[in-house]
C-alpha cells in the first residue's frame, strides 16, 4: 500500500516537472533562430475582448513544437508577409508573417 502511494506521488511529481518545463517555455520571451515561425492575429480573441472587455492575448506564434500567445512580437531579422486564401494555416488564418529569425515576445 505504501509503495502504491509512493508510486502515485512520483507520477504526480513527474507531471508537475513536465508542466513547469512547458510553462517556462511559454512564459519565456524568445524563440531561437532557425525554427520556422508563423505569426498571426487571433480574430476570435479580438472580438471576445471587445465584447467583454477581456485581456486575451491576440497574437499567436506557431512553431512545429508549440503555439505561444502574446500581445507584442519583435522579429530580429528578415521575414515575409504571406496571404494564402487557398491553403490557410490549421487554425484558419489566411494571412501571417513567416520567419526563421529570432523572435522575442511579450
N, C-alpha and C. Protein backbone atom coordinates (compact mmCIF):
# COMPACT_ATOMS: atom_id res chain seq x y z
N UNK A 1 0.82 -1.18 0.00
CA UNK A 1 0.00 0.00 0.00
C UNK A 1 0.87 1.26 0.00
N UNK A 2 1.91 1.27 0.83
CA UNK A 2 2.81 2.43 0.87
C UNK A 2 3.51 2.59 -0.48
N UNK A 3 3.89 1.47 -1.08
CA UNK A 3 4.54 1.53 -2.39
C UNK A 3 3.61 2.13 -3.43
N UNK A 4 2.33 1.83 -3.34
CA UNK A 4 1.34 2.39 -4.26
C UNK A 4 1.24 3.91 -4.10
N UNK A 5 1.21 4.38 -2.88
CA UNK A 5 1.14 5.82 -2.60
C UNK A 5 2.40 6.51 -3.10
N UNK A 6 3.55 5.91 -2.83
CA UNK A 6 4.82 6.48 -3.28
C UNK A 6 4.86 6.54 -4.80
N UNK A 7 4.38 5.50 -5.46
CA UNK A 7 4.35 5.47 -6.92
C UNK A 7 3.46 6.59 -7.46
N UNK A 8 2.29 6.79 -6.86
CA UNK A 8 1.38 7.85 -7.30
C UNK A 8 2.00 9.23 -7.08
N UNK A 9 2.69 9.41 -5.96
CA UNK A 9 3.37 10.68 -5.70
C UNK A 9 4.47 10.93 -6.73
N UNK A 10 5.21 9.89 -7.07
CA UNK A 10 6.27 10.01 -8.06
C UNK A 10 5.69 10.41 -9.42
N UNK A 11 4.60 9.79 -9.84
CA UNK A 11 3.95 10.12 -11.11
C UNK A 11 3.45 11.56 -11.09
N UNK A 12 2.83 11.97 -9.98
CA UNK A 12 2.35 13.34 -9.86
C UNK A 12 3.51 14.33 -9.94
N UNK A 13 4.63 14.00 -9.30
CA UNK A 13 5.81 14.85 -9.34
C UNK A 13 6.34 14.96 -10.77
N UNK A 14 6.39 13.86 -11.50
CA UNK A 14 6.86 13.88 -12.89
C UNK A 14 5.97 14.77 -13.76
N UNK A 15 4.66 14.68 -13.57
CA UNK A 15 3.74 15.55 -14.31
C UNK A 15 3.98 17.02 -13.97
N UNK A 16 4.23 17.29 -12.69
CA UNK A 16 4.50 18.65 -12.25
C UNK A 16 5.76 19.19 -12.93
N UNK A 17 6.81 18.39 -12.99
CA UNK A 17 8.06 18.81 -13.65
C UNK A 17 7.80 19.10 -15.13
N UNK A 18 7.08 18.23 -15.81
CA UNK A 18 6.76 18.46 -17.23
C UNK A 18 5.94 19.73 -17.40
N UNK A 19 4.98 19.96 -16.52
CA UNK A 19 4.15 21.17 -16.57
C UNK A 19 5.01 22.41 -16.40
N UNK A 20 5.92 22.41 -15.46
CA UNK A 20 6.79 23.57 -15.21
C UNK A 20 7.69 23.84 -16.42
N UNK A 21 8.21 22.78 -17.04
CA UNK A 21 9.05 22.97 -18.23
C UNK A 21 8.25 23.60 -19.35
N UNK A 22 7.04 23.10 -19.59
CA UNK A 22 6.19 23.65 -20.63
C UNK A 22 5.83 25.10 -20.32
N UNK A 23 5.46 25.38 -19.09
CA UNK A 23 5.07 26.74 -18.69
C UNK A 23 6.25 27.70 -18.84
N UNK A 24 7.45 27.29 -18.44
CA UNK A 24 8.60 28.19 -18.54
C UNK A 24 8.95 28.45 -19.99
N UNK A 25 8.74 27.47 -20.87
CA UNK A 25 8.98 27.66 -22.29
C UNK A 25 8.01 28.69 -22.84
N UNK A 26 6.75 28.61 -22.46
CA UNK A 26 5.75 29.52 -22.98
C UNK A 26 5.87 30.91 -22.37
N UNK A 27 6.35 31.01 -21.12
CA UNK A 27 6.48 32.30 -20.48
C UNK A 27 7.77 33.00 -20.86
N UNK A 28 8.68 32.29 -21.52
CA UNK A 28 9.93 32.89 -21.95
C UNK A 28 9.67 34.01 -22.92
N UNK A 29 10.69 34.77 -23.24
CA UNK A 29 10.47 35.92 -24.09
C UNK A 29 11.16 35.80 -25.43
N UNK A 30 11.61 34.59 -25.81
CA UNK A 30 12.34 34.47 -27.05
C UNK A 30 12.17 33.07 -27.65
N UNK A 31 12.12 33.00 -28.97
CA UNK A 31 12.17 31.73 -29.69
C UNK A 31 13.38 31.83 -30.62
N UNK A 32 14.24 30.85 -30.56
CA UNK A 32 15.54 30.93 -31.22
C UNK A 32 15.45 30.98 -32.75
N UNK A 33 16.53 31.41 -33.34
CA UNK A 33 16.66 31.49 -34.79
C UNK A 33 16.74 30.09 -35.38
N UNK A 34 16.29 29.93 -36.62
CA UNK A 34 16.40 28.66 -37.33
C UNK A 34 15.11 27.87 -37.38
N UNK A 35 14.21 28.11 -36.44
CA UNK A 35 12.92 27.43 -36.43
C UNK A 35 11.94 28.27 -37.24
N UNK A 36 11.13 27.64 -38.09
CA UNK A 36 10.11 28.38 -38.83
C UNK A 36 9.02 28.82 -37.85
N UNK A 37 8.74 30.12 -37.88
CA UNK A 37 7.71 30.69 -37.02
C UNK A 37 6.67 31.38 -37.89
N UNK A 38 5.41 31.15 -37.59
CA UNK A 38 4.31 31.81 -38.29
C UNK A 38 3.53 32.61 -37.27
N UNK A 39 3.46 33.91 -37.49
CA UNK A 39 2.83 34.83 -36.54
C UNK A 39 1.55 35.34 -37.15
N UNK A 40 0.43 35.18 -36.43
CA UNK A 40 -0.85 35.66 -36.96
C UNK A 40 -1.70 36.27 -35.87
N UNK A 41 -2.74 36.97 -36.27
CA UNK A 41 -3.66 37.63 -35.36
C UNK A 41 -4.85 36.70 -35.11
N UNK A 42 -5.20 36.54 -33.85
CA UNK A 42 -6.35 35.71 -33.47
C UNK A 42 -7.59 36.61 -33.43
N UNK A 43 -8.37 36.58 -34.49
CA UNK A 43 -9.55 37.45 -34.60
C UNK A 43 -10.61 37.12 -33.55
N UNK A 44 -10.69 35.86 -33.15
CA UNK A 44 -11.67 35.47 -32.13
C UNK A 44 -11.37 36.16 -30.80
N UNK A 45 -10.10 36.26 -30.46
CA UNK A 45 -9.74 36.93 -29.21
C UNK A 45 -10.00 38.43 -29.29
N UNK A 46 -9.78 39.03 -30.45
CA UNK A 46 -10.07 40.46 -30.60
C UNK A 46 -11.56 40.71 -30.39
N UNK A 47 -12.39 39.89 -31.02
CA UNK A 47 -13.85 40.05 -30.87
C UNK A 47 -14.29 39.80 -29.43
N UNK A 48 -13.76 38.76 -28.81
CA UNK A 48 -14.14 38.43 -27.43
C UNK A 48 -13.69 39.54 -26.47
N UNK A 49 -12.49 40.09 -26.69
CA UNK A 49 -12.00 41.19 -25.85
C UNK A 49 -12.90 42.42 -25.97
N UNK A 50 -13.36 42.70 -27.20
CA UNK A 50 -14.24 43.85 -27.42
C UNK A 50 -15.60 43.62 -26.74
N UNK A 51 -16.04 42.38 -26.76
CA UNK A 51 -17.36 42.06 -26.21
C UNK A 51 -17.40 42.14 -24.68
N UNK A 52 -16.38 41.58 -24.03
CA UNK A 52 -16.41 41.53 -22.56
C UNK A 52 -15.28 42.31 -21.90
N UNK A 53 -14.62 43.18 -22.66
CA UNK A 53 -13.51 43.99 -22.16
C UNK A 53 -12.41 43.10 -21.59
N UNK A 54 -12.17 41.96 -22.24
CA UNK A 54 -11.17 41.00 -21.78
C UNK A 54 -9.75 41.42 -22.12
N UNK A 55 -8.82 40.62 -21.65
CA UNK A 55 -7.40 40.89 -21.86
C UNK A 55 -6.70 39.69 -22.53
N UNK A 56 -7.41 38.97 -23.37
CA UNK A 56 -6.81 37.80 -24.03
C UNK A 56 -5.69 38.25 -24.97
N UNK A 57 -4.59 37.51 -25.02
CA UNK A 57 -3.53 37.85 -25.98
C UNK A 57 -4.04 37.60 -27.41
N UNK A 58 -3.75 38.50 -28.33
CA UNK A 58 -4.34 38.43 -29.67
C UNK A 58 -3.37 37.96 -30.75
N UNK A 59 -2.09 37.80 -30.43
CA UNK A 59 -1.13 37.32 -31.41
C UNK A 59 -0.73 35.89 -31.06
N UNK A 60 -0.53 35.08 -32.09
CA UNK A 60 -0.09 33.70 -31.90
C UNK A 60 1.17 33.48 -32.71
N UNK A 61 2.18 32.89 -32.07
CA UNK A 61 3.41 32.48 -32.76
C UNK A 61 3.38 30.97 -32.82
N UNK A 62 3.28 30.43 -34.04
CA UNK A 62 3.21 28.98 -34.22
C UNK A 62 4.58 28.47 -34.66
N UNK A 63 5.04 27.39 -34.01
CA UNK A 63 6.22 26.67 -34.46
C UNK A 63 5.82 25.20 -34.58
N UNK A 64 6.75 24.37 -35.00
CA UNK A 64 6.44 22.94 -35.11
C UNK A 64 6.25 22.30 -33.75
N UNK A 65 6.74 22.95 -32.69
CA UNK A 65 6.68 22.37 -31.34
C UNK A 65 5.63 22.99 -30.45
N UNK A 66 5.28 24.27 -30.67
CA UNK A 66 4.40 24.94 -29.72
C UNK A 66 3.69 26.12 -30.36
N UNK A 67 2.67 26.58 -29.68
CA UNK A 67 1.98 27.83 -30.01
C UNK A 67 2.14 28.73 -28.80
N UNK A 68 2.57 29.96 -29.03
CA UNK A 68 2.74 30.94 -27.96
C UNK A 68 1.80 32.10 -28.25
N UNK A 69 1.04 32.53 -27.26
CA UNK A 69 0.17 33.68 -27.44
C UNK A 69 0.78 34.88 -26.71
N UNK A 70 0.60 36.08 -27.30
CA UNK A 70 1.19 37.29 -26.74
C UNK A 70 0.49 38.50 -27.32
N UNK A 71 0.95 39.69 -26.92
CA UNK A 71 0.39 40.92 -27.44
C UNK A 71 1.41 41.78 -28.18
N UNK A 72 2.67 41.39 -28.18
CA UNK A 72 3.71 42.13 -28.91
C UNK A 72 4.78 41.16 -29.38
N UNK A 73 5.25 41.35 -30.61
CA UNK A 73 6.28 40.49 -31.19
C UNK A 73 7.34 41.37 -31.84
N UNK A 74 8.61 41.01 -31.62
CA UNK A 74 9.72 41.68 -32.28
C UNK A 74 10.47 40.62 -33.08
N UNK A 75 10.59 40.83 -34.40
CA UNK A 75 11.29 39.89 -35.26
C UNK A 75 12.68 40.46 -35.51
N UNK A 76 13.70 39.72 -35.10
CA UNK A 76 15.08 40.19 -35.18
C UNK A 76 15.76 39.67 -36.44
N UNK A 77 15.25 40.07 -37.61
CA UNK A 77 15.82 39.62 -38.88
C UNK A 77 14.77 39.63 -39.97
N UNK A 78 15.10 39.03 -41.10
CA UNK A 78 14.16 39.04 -42.23
C UNK A 78 12.90 38.22 -41.97
N UNK A 79 11.82 38.64 -42.61
CA UNK A 79 10.55 37.94 -42.52
C UNK A 79 9.77 38.22 -43.79
N UNK A 80 8.68 37.48 -43.98
CA UNK A 80 7.81 37.77 -45.13
C UNK A 80 6.36 37.67 -44.70
N UNK A 81 5.54 38.51 -45.32
CA UNK A 81 4.11 38.52 -45.08
C UNK A 81 3.47 37.62 -46.13
N UNK A 82 2.66 36.66 -45.68
CA UNK A 82 2.07 35.66 -46.57
C UNK A 82 0.55 35.77 -46.56
N UNK A 83 -0.05 35.75 -47.75
CA UNK A 83 -1.50 35.63 -47.89
C UNK A 83 -1.76 34.36 -48.68
N UNK A 84 -2.51 33.44 -48.12
CA UNK A 84 -2.78 32.16 -48.76
C UNK A 84 -4.24 31.79 -48.55
N UNK A 85 -5.11 32.30 -49.44
CA UNK A 85 -6.55 32.04 -49.27
C UNK A 85 -6.92 30.60 -49.55
N UNK A 86 -6.16 29.92 -50.41
CA UNK A 86 -6.48 28.53 -50.77
C UNK A 86 -5.88 27.50 -49.81
N UNK A 87 -4.84 27.88 -49.08
CA UNK A 87 -4.20 26.95 -48.15
C UNK A 87 -3.91 27.66 -46.82
N UNK A 88 -4.95 27.90 -46.00
CA UNK A 88 -4.74 28.59 -44.72
C UNK A 88 -4.00 27.71 -43.71
N UNK A 89 -3.58 28.31 -42.61
CA UNK A 89 -2.98 27.55 -41.52
C UNK A 89 -4.05 26.65 -40.90
N UNK A 90 -3.63 25.71 -40.07
CA UNK A 90 -4.58 24.78 -39.45
C UNK A 90 -5.62 25.50 -38.59
N UNK A 91 -5.28 26.68 -38.09
CA UNK A 91 -6.22 27.45 -37.26
C UNK A 91 -7.19 28.27 -38.11
N UNK A 92 -6.97 28.30 -39.43
CA UNK A 92 -7.85 29.04 -40.32
C UNK A 92 -7.27 30.37 -40.79
N UNK A 93 -6.13 30.79 -40.25
CA UNK A 93 -5.53 32.07 -40.64
C UNK A 93 -5.11 32.02 -42.11
N UNK A 94 -5.44 33.08 -42.84
CA UNK A 94 -5.08 33.18 -44.26
C UNK A 94 -3.96 34.18 -44.50
N UNK A 95 -3.65 34.98 -43.48
CA UNK A 95 -2.56 35.96 -43.55
C UNK A 95 -1.69 35.78 -42.32
N UNK A 96 -0.37 35.71 -42.52
CA UNK A 96 0.55 35.58 -41.41
C UNK A 96 1.92 36.10 -41.81
N UNK A 97 2.76 36.30 -40.81
CA UNK A 97 4.17 36.64 -41.03
C UNK A 97 4.97 35.37 -40.80
N UNK A 98 5.89 35.08 -41.70
CA UNK A 98 6.71 33.87 -41.60
C UNK A 98 8.18 34.27 -41.50
N UNK A 99 8.89 33.64 -40.59
CA UNK A 99 10.30 33.96 -40.39
C UNK A 99 11.05 32.77 -39.78
N UNK A 100 12.34 32.72 -40.02
CA UNK A 100 13.22 31.80 -39.30
C UNK A 100 14.15 32.58 -38.38
N UNK A 101 13.97 33.89 -38.32
CA UNK A 101 14.78 34.74 -37.46
C UNK A 101 14.40 34.56 -36.00
N UNK A 102 15.25 35.05 -35.12
CA UNK A 102 14.93 35.05 -33.70
C UNK A 102 13.74 35.97 -33.45
N UNK A 103 12.82 35.53 -32.59
CA UNK A 103 11.63 36.30 -32.28
C UNK A 103 11.54 36.48 -30.77
N UNK A 104 11.32 37.71 -30.33
CA UNK A 104 11.05 37.95 -28.91
C UNK A 104 9.60 38.42 -28.79
N UNK A 105 9.01 38.17 -27.63
CA UNK A 105 7.59 38.48 -27.47
C UNK A 105 7.28 38.86 -26.03
N UNK A 106 6.13 39.52 -25.87
CA UNK A 106 5.61 39.91 -24.56
C UNK A 106 4.17 39.51 -24.45
